[in-house]
Amino acid sequence: MKPYHIALKNLLRRPARMFFLTVALAVGLAAVVALVTLANSMTADIEHTMDQFGANILITPKSNDLALSYGGISLGRVAFDQRELDPSVLERIRTIKNRQNIAVAAPKVLGTVTIKGRELLLVGVDFAAELRLKPWWRLNGTEPSAEQDALLGNAAAQALGVKPGEQLQVGNRSFTITAILQDTGSQDDGLLFVPLAAAQAITGKQGQITLIEVAALCTGCPIDEMVEQISGVLPDAKVSAIKQVVEGRLQTIGQLKRFSLGMGGVIALISLALVFVTMMGSVTERKVEIGIFRAIGYRTGHVMGIILLEAGLVGLAAGLIGYGLGIAAAVVTLPFMASSDHPHLLVQWQVALPAVLSVALVSLLAAWYPARKAGKMDPADALRSL
């Protein structure tokens, strides 16, 4: 009888024990697969969600003398030697090596205006880019779309007594306030947003840009390198990363991955112990059987091969079952854990085979000592217990 025939018969002869061992290993792998799949899926979901929440790179002129503030720049008493950015910087930004990582580049021009006796900070924006940059904005009204449409912050609207749909005179221009920005708790509440070209004309900064906010974050986006790349193509501009945004996002993502890896390690150790105890018990119970094998000429390698083959088959079956259970658990759990309404399950099928083989390998490693002990068993000692 071949060793693999003996291994198969032994598995079938003790179905309950092997069934529970297979289930235990399968559940362990399922937990690891579910955690890793959830971590990867939630990482992608968090990155996608966080990528929408504001800029993490700020581009400003190297020298400004401004008093009122926006995005780290103060504006008010504008000096005669104030420098602005040229519109060509937007095209040059798109030439950097990591240009595919740039989600939004939102240019702005800033200036002060007096409306109804109140001094107000005017912000000229590209509304399409600005609304992509700030998806948390909630508008009472409709999005600005025409050249004479404007958006007013909540605090500014209260101070001026303006409601959506009303006209607002800014210098020699009249704007329709299509929407009032709901309270954000930020400086946006006190600003007047108008189309970029209109703001440039009102402030006398035709063809000029005060600053550019860039949103760029994705898996592996090298923010510091991108800052260097942008600085290289914009030698006359100051390019800085908003560190707290970048570091906060990456820290959250890293914690998810470390948690999944840590739990995977704990479950792997538990699986090792479980297989080891089970195989040691099996060797002890089959002491007489192993002694007979040794007495009729089975060498150490043959006996070890039988024990290891049993463990390997159990591990392989557990791996196949566990991987399927893990993916199913991730599918069920992800909607409750993701931050978005429609998360995408990120399944890396290329790791399926390594995951299954790893369980078989863990089983073989845990069964090595019991198999070696069985192979070294003295036939006389085993038969003496008959």
Protein backbone atom coordinates (compact mmCIF):
# COMPACT_ATOMS: atom_id res chain seq x y z
CA MET A 1 0.00 0.00 0.00
CA LYS A 2 1.33 3.39 -0.98
CA PRO A 3 1.91 6.05 1.72
CA TYR A 4 -0.66 8.37 0.14
CA HIS A 5 -3.27 5.57 0.30
CA ILE A 6 -2.61 5.25 4.03
CA ALA A 7 -2.87 9.02 4.50
CA LEU A 8 -6.22 9.19 2.71
CA LYS A 9 -7.60 6.22 4.67
CA ASN A 10 -6.50 7.80 7.95
CA LEU A 11 -8.30 11.04 7.07
CA LEU A 12 -11.48 9.14 6.20
CA ARG A 13 -11.19 6.99 9.31
CA ARG A 14 -11.24 10.03 11.60
CA PRO A 15 -13.70 12.30 9.81
CA ALA A 16 -14.90 14.26 12.85
CA ARG A 17 -11.43 15.32 14.01
CA MET A 18 -10.24 16.20 10.54
CA PHE A 19 -13.47 18.02 9.78
CA PHE A 20 -13.13 20.26 12.82
CA LEU A 21 -9.44 20.84 12.11
CA THR A 22 -10.26 21.80 8.52
CA VAL A 23 -13.04 24.12 9.66
CA ALA A 24 -10.79 25.75 12.26
CA LEU A 25 -8.04 26.39 9.71
CA ALA A 26 -10.58 27.58 7.14
CA VAL A 27 -12.10 30.04 9.60
CA GLY A 28 -8.62 31.32 10.48
CA LEU A 29 -7.75 31.93 6.83
CA ALA A 30 -11.20 33.40 6.19
CA ALA A 31 -10.60 35.93 8.97
CA VAL A 32 -7.22 36.90 7.51
CA VAL A 33 -8.56 37.13 3.94
CA ALA A 34 -11.57 39.15 5.09
CA LEU A 35 -9.40 41.55 7.11
CA VAL A 36 -6.88 42.08 4.32
CA THR A 37 -9.59 42.46 1.67
CA LEU A 38 -11.52 44.86 3.88
CA ALA A 39 -8.35 46.83 4.65
CA ASN A 40 -7.48 47.15 0.95
CA SER A 41 -11.06 48.01 -0.01
CA MET A 42 -11.46 50.51 2.84
CA THR A 43 -8.07 52.01 2.03
CA ALA A 44 -9.17 52.59 -1.57
CA ASP A 45 -12.52 53.91 -0.33
CA ILE A 46 -10.90 56.24 2.21
CA GLU A 47 -8.39 57.51 -0.34
CA HIS A 48 -11.19 58.13 -2.84
CA THR A 49 -13.26 59.95 -0.21
CA MET A 50 -10.37 61.92 1.27
CA ASP A 51 -9.08 62.92 -2.14
CA GLN A 52 -12.22 65.02 -2.43
CA PHE A 53 -11.69 66.94 0.79
CA GLY A 54 -9.63 69.94 -0.12
CA ALA A 55 -6.19 70.76 -1.39
CA ASN A 56 -2.93 69.42 -0.07
CA ILE A 57 -0.55 71.48 -2.22
CA LEU A 58 -0.58 75.28 -2.29
CA ILE A 59 1.12 77.36 -5.01
CA THR A 60 1.66 81.07 -4.32
CA PRO A 61 3.97 83.82 -5.60
CA LYS A 62 7.31 83.99 -3.83
CA SER A 63 6.76 87.59 -2.70
CA ASN A 64 3.46 89.12 -1.65
CA ASP A 65 2.57 92.01 0.64
CA LEU A 66 -1.06 91.31 1.48
CA ALA A 67 -3.14 91.81 4.61
CA LEU A 68 -6.44 89.91 4.35
CA SER A 69 -5.93 86.17 4.46
CA TYR A 70 -6.94 83.25 2.32
CA GLY A 71 -5.23 79.86 2.18
CA GLY A 72 -2.25 81.08 4.18
CA ILE A 73 -1.95 84.35 2.21
CA SER A 74 -2.88 87.75 3.66
CA LEU A 75 -4.35 90.42 1.41
CA GLY A 76 -5.38 94.03 1.90
CA ARG A 77 -2.75 96.76 1.48
CA VAL A 78 -1.32 95.53 -1.78
CA ALA A 79 2.24 96.63 -2.37
CA PHE A 80 3.25 98.15 -5.72
CA ASP A 81 5.81 95.43 -6.28
CA GLN A 82 3.37 92.61 -5.60
CA ARG A 83 3.89 89.67 -7.88
CA GLU A 84 1.16 87.41 -9.23
CA LEU A 85 1.25 84.08 -11.00
CA ASP A 86 1.00 83.84 -14.76
CA PRO A 87 -1.88 81.70 -16.15
CA SER A 88 0.70 79.53 -17.93
CA VAL A 89 1.55 77.95 -14.57
CA LEU A 90 -1.54 75.77 -14.92
CA GLU A 91 -0.18 74.28 -18.12
CA ARG A 92 3.29 73.86 -16.63
CA ILE A 93 1.89 72.02 -13.60
CA ARG A 94 0.44 69.44 -15.97
CA THR A 95 3.90 68.66 -17.35
CA ILE A 96 5.39 67.21 -14.16
CA LYS A 97 6.31 63.54 -13.92
CA ASN A 98 3.46 62.75 -11.51
CA ARG A 99 0.85 64.78 -13.40
CA GLN A 100 -1.53 61.78 -13.39
CA ASN A 101 -1.77 62.18 -9.59
CA ILE A 102 -3.19 65.70 -9.84
CA ALA A 103 -6.94 65.49 -9.30
CA VAL A 104 -7.80 69.20 -9.29
CA ALA A 105 -5.86 72.44 -9.82
CA ALA A 106 -8.04 75.38 -8.76
CA PRO A 107 -6.69 78.87 -9.61
CA LYS A 108 -7.81 81.94 -7.64
CA VAL A 109 -7.41 85.68 -7.78
CA LEU A 110 -7.99 87.71 -4.60
CA GLY A 111 -8.88 91.30 -3.99
CA THR A 112 -10.83 93.55 -1.64
CA VAL A 113 -14.07 95.27 -2.61
CA THR A 114 -16.47 97.54 -0.78
CA ILE A 115 -20.15 96.55 -0.95
CA LYS A 116 -22.88 98.45 0.92
CA GLY A 117 -20.24 100.15 3.01
CA ARG A 118 -18.60 96.86 4.04
CA GLU A 119 -15.16 95.69 3.03
CA LEU A 120 -15.28 92.17 1.61
CA LEU A 121 -12.75 89.75 0.26
CA LEU A 122 -13.47 88.96 -3.39
CA VAL A 123 -12.33 85.57 -4.68
CA GLY A 124 -12.26 84.83 -8.39
CA VAL A 125 -12.49 81.11 -9.08
CA ASP A 126 -13.04 78.55 -11.78
CA PHE A 127 -16.34 77.26 -10.37
CA ALA A 128 -16.03 73.85 -12.06
CA ALA A 129 -12.66 73.23 -10.38
CA GLU A 130 -13.66 74.88 -7.09
CA LEU A 131 -16.77 72.75 -6.65
CA ARG A 132 -14.71 69.61 -7.33
CA LEU A 133 -12.14 70.76 -4.81
CA LYS A 134 -14.76 71.37 -2.11
CA PRO A 135 -17.49 68.72 -2.41
CA TRP A 136 -18.52 69.38 1.20
CA TRP A 137 -20.01 72.73 0.15
CA ARG A 138 -23.79 72.80 0.47
CA LEU A 139 -25.58 75.50 -1.52
CA ASN A 140 -28.89 77.18 -0.94
CA GLY A 141 -29.69 77.80 -4.58
CA THR A 142 -28.15 76.67 -7.86
CA GLU A 143 -24.52 76.33 -8.87
CA PRO A 144 -23.06 79.39 -10.65
CA SER A 145 -22.74 78.73 -14.37
CA ALA A 146 -22.88 82.06 -16.21
CA GLU A 147 -20.34 84.89 -16.36
CA GLN A 148 -22.48 87.12 -14.12
CA ASP A 149 -23.30 84.43 -11.54
CA ALA A 150 -21.79 84.62 -8.07
CA LEU A 151 -21.72 82.65 -4.83
CA LEU A 152 -21.85 84.32 -1.42
CA GLY A 153 -20.70 82.91 1.92
CA ASN A 154 -23.25 82.52 4.69
CA ALA A 155 -21.79 85.16 7.02
CA ALA A 156 -21.31 87.63 4.16
CA ALA A 157 -24.91 87.12 3.00
CA GLN A 158 -26.23 87.85 6.49
CA ALA A 159 -24.08 90.96 6.81
CA LEU A 160 -25.20 92.29 3.43
CA GLY A 161 -28.81 91.12 3.73
CA VAL A 162 -28.68 89.29 0.40
CA LYS A 163 -30.75 86.24 -0.61
CA PRO A 164 -30.42 83.80 -3.52
CA GLY A 165 -31.59 85.29 -6.81
CA GLU A 166 -30.90 88.90 -5.84
CA GLN A 167 -28.54 91.25 -7.68
CA LEU A 168 -25.34 92.49 -6.05
CA GLN A 169 -23.40 95.47 -7.38
CA VAL A 170 -19.63 95.05 -7.22
CA GLY A 171 -17.89 98.13 -8.58
CA ASN A 172 -19.30 98.74 -12.02
CA ARG A 173 -20.47 95.14 -12.41
CA SER A 174 -23.73 93.49 -11.37
CA PHE A 175 -23.80 89.86 -10.29
CA THR A 176 -26.68 87.48 -9.64
CA ILE A 177 -26.27 85.61 -6.38
CA THR A 178 -27.39 82.18 -7.58
CA ALA A 179 -26.65 80.49 -4.25
CA ILE A 180 -25.74 81.15 -0.62
CA LEU A 181 -23.10 78.87 0.86
CA GLN A 182 -24.35 77.04 3.93
CA ASP A 183 -22.33 77.55 7.11
CA THR A 184 -18.96 75.79 6.81
CA GLY A 185 -17.26 77.16 9.92
CA SER A 186 -14.35 78.31 7.75
CA GLN A 187 -13.18 81.53 6.09
CA ASP A 188 -15.38 80.66 3.09
CA ASP A 189 -18.40 81.93 5.03
CA GLY A 190 -17.27 85.54 4.69
CA LEU A 191 -16.23 85.53 1.03
CA LEU A 192 -17.77 86.52 -2.27
CA PHE A 193 -16.98 84.08 -5.09
CA VAL A 194 -17.23 85.24 -8.69
CA PRO A 195 -15.89 83.87 -12.00
CA LEU A 196 -12.13 84.17 -12.36
CA ALA A 197 -12.20 86.50 -15.37
CA ALA A 198 -14.66 88.86 -13.68
CA ALA A 199 -12.54 89.06 -10.52
CA GLN A 200 -9.42 89.74 -12.61
CA ALA A 201 -11.20 92.64 -14.30
CA ILE A 202 -12.55 94.09 -11.05
CA THR A 203 -9.19 93.91 -9.26
CA GLY A 204 -7.20 95.04 -12.29
CA LYS A 205 -5.31 91.74 -12.42
CA GLN A 206 -6.17 90.69 -15.95
CA GLY A 207 -4.33 87.51 -16.88
CA GLN A 208 -2.99 87.04 -13.35
CA ILE A 209 -3.52 84.45 -10.61
CA THR A 210 -2.94 84.98 -6.88
CA LEU A 211 -2.69 81.34 -5.86
CA ILE A 212 -3.49 77.81 -6.96
CA GLU A 213 -4.82 75.04 -4.73
CA VAL A 214 -3.96 71.53 -5.87
CA ALA A 215 -5.62 68.32 -4.70
CA ALA A 216 -3.39 65.31 -5.25
CA LEU A 217 -3.57 62.18 -3.16
CA CYS A 218 -3.82 58.54 -4.16
CA THR A 219 -2.15 55.23 -3.42
CA GLY A 220 1.58 55.87 -3.43
CA CYS A 221 1.35 59.54 -4.40
CA PRO A 222 4.73 61.04 -3.43
CA ILE A 223 3.53 64.45 -2.23
CA ASP A 224 7.00 65.72 -1.32
CA GLU A 225 8.34 64.68 -4.72
CA MET A 226 5.40 66.35 -6.43
CA VAL A 227 6.17 69.57 -4.54
CA GLU A 228 9.75 69.38 -5.83
CA GLN A 229 8.57 68.67 -9.37
CA ILE A 230 6.15 71.60 -9.35
CA SER A 231 8.85 73.84 -7.88
CA GLY A 232 11.11 72.80 -10.73
CA VAL A 233 8.67 73.95 -13.41
CA LEU A 234 7.60 77.05 -11.40
CA PRO A 235 10.86 78.66 -10.22
CA ASP A 236 9.10 81.96 -9.42
CA ALA A 237 6.46 80.36 -7.21
CA LYS A 238 6.38 79.04 -3.67
CA VAL A 239 5.08 75.47 -3.60
CA SER A 240 4.25 73.91 -0.25
CA ALA A 241 2.48 70.77 0.94
CA ILE A 242 -0.22 71.08 3.57
CA LYS A 243 1.43 68.53 5.83
CA GLN A 244 -1.37 67.95 8.29
CA VAL A 245 -3.72 66.89 5.50
CA VAL A 246 -1.24 64.53 3.87
CA GLU A 247 0.06 63.00 7.09
CA GLY A 248 -3.41 62.58 8.56
CA ARG A 249 -4.65 60.72 5.51
CA LEU A 250 -1.62 58.46 5.24
CA GLN A 251 -1.66 57.72 8.98
CA THR A 252 -5.28 56.57 8.82
CA ILE A 253 -4.54 54.34 5.85
CA GLY A 254 -1.41 52.91 7.52
CA GLN A 255 -3.29 52.04 10.69
CA LEU A 256 -5.80 49.97 8.74
CA LYS A 257 -3.05 48.00 7.05
CA ARG A 258 -1.07 47.43 10.25
CA PHE A 259 -4.20 46.22 12.02
CA SER A 260 -4.97 43.67 9.30
CA LEU A 261 -1.38 42.39 9.24
CA GLY A 262 -1.27 42.14 13.03
CA MET A 263 -4.51 40.17 13.19
CA GLY A 264 -3.26 37.92 10.41
CA GLY A 265 -0.11 37.14 12.40
CA VAL A 266 -2.08 36.29 15.54
CA ILE A 267 -4.42 33.99 13.62
CA ALA A 268 -1.45 32.27 11.94
CA LEU A 269 0.10 31.49 15.35
CA ILE A 270 -3.20 30.11 16.61
CA SER A 271 -3.45 27.92 13.50
CA LEU A 272 0.07 26.61 14.04
CA ALA A 273 -0.74 25.66 17.61
CA LEU A 274 -4.01 24.01 16.59
CA VAL A 275 -2.42 21.81 13.91
CA PHE A 276 0.50 20.96 16.19
CA VAL A 277 -1.75 19.80 19.04
CA THR A 278 -4.01 17.84 16.70
CA MET A 279 -1.15 16.05 14.98
CA MET A 280 0.62 15.30 18.25
CA GLY A 281 -2.61 13.74 19.52
CA SER A 282 -2.97 11.77 16.32
CA VAL A 283 0.57 10.40 16.58
CA THR A 284 0.00 9.37 20.19
CA GLU A 285 -3.27 7.60 19.33
CA ARG A 286 -1.67 5.81 16.39
CA LYS A 287 1.42 4.70 18.27
CA VAL A 288 0.73 1.01 17.69
CA GLU A 289 -0.12 1.56 14.01
CA ILE A 290 3.09 3.51 13.45
CA GLY A 291 5.05 0.80 15.30
CA ILE A 292 3.65 -1.84 12.93
CA PHE A 293 4.63 0.27 9.93
CA ARG A 294 8.16 0.54 11.30
CA ALA A 295 8.29 -3.19 12.07
CA ILE A 296 7.33 -4.22 8.52
CA GLY A 297 10.01 -2.04 6.98
CA TYR A 298 8.62 1.48 6.66
CA ARG A 299 11.51 3.87 7.01
CA THR A 300 11.47 7.19 8.88
CA GLY A 301 10.84 9.12 5.65
CA HIS A 302 7.80 6.97 4.82
CA VAL A 303 6.17 7.52 8.21
CA MET A 304 6.92 11.23 8.14
CA GLY A 305 5.53 11.42 4.62
CA ILE A 306 2.22 9.90 5.75
CA ILE A 307 1.78 12.39 8.62
CA LEU A 308 2.86 15.38 6.54
CA LEU A 309 0.64 14.36 3.64
CA GLU A 310 -2.35 14.23 5.95
CA ALA A 311 -1.54 17.71 7.29
CA GLY A 312 -0.93 19.07 3.80
CA LEU A 313 -4.23 17.76 2.45
CA VAL A 314 -6.12 19.21 5.41
CA GLY A 315 -4.33 22.55 4.95
CA LEU A 316 -5.05 22.62 1.20
CA ALA A 317 -8.75 21.91 1.71
CA ALA A 318 -8.93 24.47 4.51
CA GLY A 319 -7.20 27.04 2.30
CA LEU A 320 -9.68 26.66 -0.55
CA ILE A 321 -12.68 26.80 1.79
CA GLY A 322 -11.22 29.62 3.89
CA TYR A 323 -10.43 31.88 0.95
CA GLY A 324 -13.98 31.57 -0.36
CA LEU A 325 -15.43 32.24 3.10
CA GLY A 326 -13.12 35.25 3.57
CA ILE A 327 -14.20 36.90 0.32
CA ALA A 328 -17.86 36.23 1.15
CA ALA A 329 -17.41 37.75 4.62
CA ALA A 330 -15.75 40.83 3.11
CA VAL A 331 -18.61 41.27 0.64
CA VAL A 332 -21.16 41.20 3.48
CA THR A 333 -19.16 43.38 5.88
CA LEU A 334 -17.78 46.11 3.59
CA PRO A 335 -21.01 48.14 3.19
CA PHE A 336 -21.21 48.53 6.98
CA MET A 337 -17.59 49.65 7.38
CA ALA A 338 -16.90 51.82 4.32
CA SER A 339 -17.32 55.58 4.44
CA SER A 340 -19.00 55.90 1.03
CA ASP A 341 -22.45 54.75 0.04
CA HIS A 342 -21.33 52.45 -2.75
CA PRO A 343 -17.89 51.02 -1.86
CA HIS A 344 -16.04 48.82 -4.32
CA LEU A 345 -14.68 45.50 -3.07
CA LEU A 346 -11.02 45.35 -4.03
CA VAL A 347 -10.28 41.63 -4.51
CA GLN A 348 -6.74 40.70 -5.45
CA TRP A 349 -7.25 37.34 -7.10
CA GLN A 350 -3.54 36.96 -7.73
CA VAL A 351 -3.03 36.36 -3.99
CA ALA A 352 -5.58 33.52 -3.89
CA LEU A 353 -3.04 30.79 -4.70
CA PRO A 354 -0.40 32.09 -2.24
CA ALA A 355 -3.09 32.34 0.47
CA VAL A 356 -4.21 28.74 -0.05
CA LEU A 357 -0.65 27.44 -0.23
CA SER A 358 0.30 29.38 2.89
CA VAL A 359 -2.31 27.47 4.92
CA ALA A 360 -0.95 24.19 3.58
CA LEU A 361 2.57 25.36 4.49
CA VAL A 362 1.48 26.32 8.00
CA SER A 363 -0.05 22.86 8.41
CA LEU A 364 3.14 21.19 7.22
CA LEU A 365 5.32 23.29 9.54
CA ALA A 366 3.09 22.56 12.53
CA ALA A 367 3.03 18.83 11.69
CA TRP A 368 6.80 18.58 11.17
CA TYR A 369 7.71 17.79 14.77
CA PRO A 370 4.89 15.26 15.31
CA ALA A 371 5.83 13.61 11.98
CA ARG A 372 9.48 13.46 12.97
CA LYS A 373 8.57 12.00 16.34
CA ALA A 374 6.47 9.35 14.62
CA GLY A 375 9.27 8.55 12.17
CA LYS A 376 11.80 8.11 14.99
CA MET A 377 9.48 5.87 17.02
CA ASP A 378 11.05 2.58 18.18
CA PRO A 379 8.94 -0.32 16.84
CA ALA A 380 9.64 -2.41 19.97
CA ASP A 381 8.34 0.35 22.27
CA ALA A 382 5.22 0.77 20.14
CA LEU A 383 4.44 -2.97 19.91
CA ARG A 384 5.06 -3.43 23.62
CA SER A 385 1.88 -1.45 24.31
CA LEU A 386 -0.26 -4.09 22.52
